[in-house]
Amino acid sequence: MTVDPGDGLPDGLAVDEEGGIWLALWGGRAVRRYDPGGRLTATIEVPAENVTACCFGGDDGRTLYITTAAPDGRLYVAEPGISGPPATPFRSTAPSDAEPTSDR
């Protein structure tokens, strides 16, 4: 997979249930989907220049949330017709404020 710099710079990405990569394009006003073989299969145009990241969410994981940076700085929502894998909750291993580290 190669992205022409004139189309924007790769920024954040998400992976869908088929192993496709959804790539946010900084300066490119779009999110693109590439299949596991690297072939471009979908483009979501975004009304903002600097697209920063995307992730799947919603009750069924079929909503694609797209973030952008200044000067637009908004959150956009798309329904691409595919879902992403379930999110993995983050579990910190840092010591709690209530638990002194000397007690470990």
Protein backbone atom coordinates (compact mmCIF):
# COMPACT_ATOMS: atom_id res chain seq x y z
CA MET A 1 0.00 0.00 0.00
CA THR A 2 1.35 3.40 -0.98
CA VAL A 3 -0.21 6.81 -0.35
CA ASP A 4 0.81 9.63 -2.67
CA PRO A 5 1.93 12.57 -0.46
CA GLY A 6 -0.29 14.84 -2.55
CA ASP A 7 -3.31 12.89 -1.25
CA GLY A 8 -2.43 13.61 2.39
CA LEU A 9 -0.17 12.11 5.02
CA PRO A 10 -1.17 8.92 6.86
CA ASP A 11 -2.18 9.67 10.43
CA GLY A 12 -4.42 7.53 12.68
CA LEU A 13 -5.94 4.24 11.61
CA ALA A 14 -8.48 1.59 12.57
CA VAL A 15 -8.84 -2.06 11.58
CA ASP A 16 -12.21 -3.56 10.58
CA GLU A 17 -13.60 -7.08 11.03
CA GLU A 18 -12.23 -8.17 7.63
CA GLY A 19 -8.70 -6.96 8.36
CA GLY A 20 -9.15 -3.80 6.30
CA ILE A 21 -7.23 -0.69 7.32
CA TRP A 22 -9.11 2.62 7.62
CA LEU A 23 -6.50 5.36 7.26
CA ALA A 24 -7.00 9.02 8.25
CA LEU A 25 -5.25 11.39 5.83
CA TRP A 26 -3.80 14.57 7.36
CA GLY A 27 -4.20 17.29 4.75
CA GLY A 28 -6.22 14.91 2.58
CA ARG A 29 -9.81 15.57 3.69
CA ALA A 30 -10.58 11.84 3.75
CA VAL A 31 -10.43 8.44 5.39
CA ARG A 32 -9.50 5.58 3.06
CA ARG A 33 -10.02 1.84 3.43
CA TYR A 34 -7.42 -0.58 2.14
CA ASP A 35 -8.08 -4.32 2.04
CA PRO A 36 -5.55 -6.77 3.53
CA GLY A 37 -3.79 -6.90 0.15
CA GLY A 38 -3.27 -3.12 0.14
CA ARG A 39 -5.93 -2.32 -2.50
CA LEU A 40 -7.97 0.89 -2.01
CA THR A 41 -11.61 -0.19 -1.58
CA ALA A 42 -13.41 2.83 -0.09
CA THR A 43 -12.99 6.54 0.53
CA ILE A 44 -14.98 8.67 2.96
CA GLU A 45 -14.69 12.35 2.12
CA VAL A 46 -14.51 14.58 5.20
CA PRO A 47 -15.39 18.32 5.15
CA ALA A 48 -12.22 19.16 7.07
CA GLU A 49 -8.64 19.41 5.87
CA ASN A 50 -6.71 17.73 8.67
CA VAL A 51 -8.17 14.30 9.41
CA THR A 52 -6.38 12.86 12.43
CA ALA A 53 -7.89 9.54 13.48
CA CYS A 54 -10.79 7.14 13.17
CA CYS A 55 -12.24 4.34 15.28
CA PHE A 56 -15.19 1.99 15.27
CA GLY A 57 -17.83 2.22 17.97
CA GLY A 58 -21.52 2.29 18.68
CA ASP A 59 -23.69 -0.51 20.02
CA ASP A 60 -22.86 -2.82 17.12
CA GLY A 61 -19.38 -1.48 16.24
CA ARG A 62 -20.61 -0.34 12.81
CA THR A 63 -20.15 3.40 13.35
CA LEU A 64 -16.87 5.00 12.25
CA TYR A 65 -15.94 8.05 14.32
CA ILE A 66 -13.56 10.45 12.57
CA THR A 67 -11.62 13.23 14.31
CA THR A 68 -10.06 16.31 12.75
CA ALA A 69 -7.62 18.98 13.93
CA ALA A 70 -7.50 22.76 13.69
CA PRO A 71 -8.69 24.81 12.03
CA ASP A 72 -11.78 22.56 11.78
CA GLY A 73 -11.40 20.46 14.94
CA ARG A 74 -14.59 18.44 14.80
CA LEU A 75 -15.88 14.91 15.23
CA TYR A 76 -17.61 13.29 12.25
CA VAL A 77 -19.62 10.07 12.11
CA ALA A 78 -19.97 7.66 9.19
CA GLU A 79 -21.72 4.33 8.64
CA PRO A 80 -19.30 2.45 6.34
CA GLY A 81 -21.29 -0.81 6.23
CA ILE A 82 -18.74 -2.87 8.18
CA SER A 83 -17.83 -3.16 11.83
CA GLY A 84 -14.62 -3.08 13.76
CA PRO A 85 -13.51 -5.61 16.36
CA PRO A 86 -14.74 -5.11 19.92
CA ALA A 87 -12.77 -2.62 21.97
CA THR A 88 -10.36 -3.92 24.59
CA PRO A 89 -10.74 -2.12 27.92
CA PHE A 90 -7.59 -0.46 29.19
CA ARG A 91 -6.42 -1.74 32.57
CA SER A 92 -3.71 0.35 34.14
CA THR A 93 -0.87 -1.37 35.97
CA ALA A 94 0.17 1.88 37.64
CA PRO A 95 -0.13 2.01 41.41
CA SER A 96 -3.31 3.57 42.78
CA ASP A 97 -3.17 6.90 44.61
CA ALA A 98 -4.77 5.08 47.54
CA GLU A 99 -2.11 2.38 47.60
CA PRO A 100 1.42 3.45 48.57
CA THR A 101 4.03 1.89 46.31
CA SER A 102 5.98 0.74 49.38
CA ASP A 103 3.07 -1.64 50.17
CA ARG A 104 3.59 -3.61 46.94
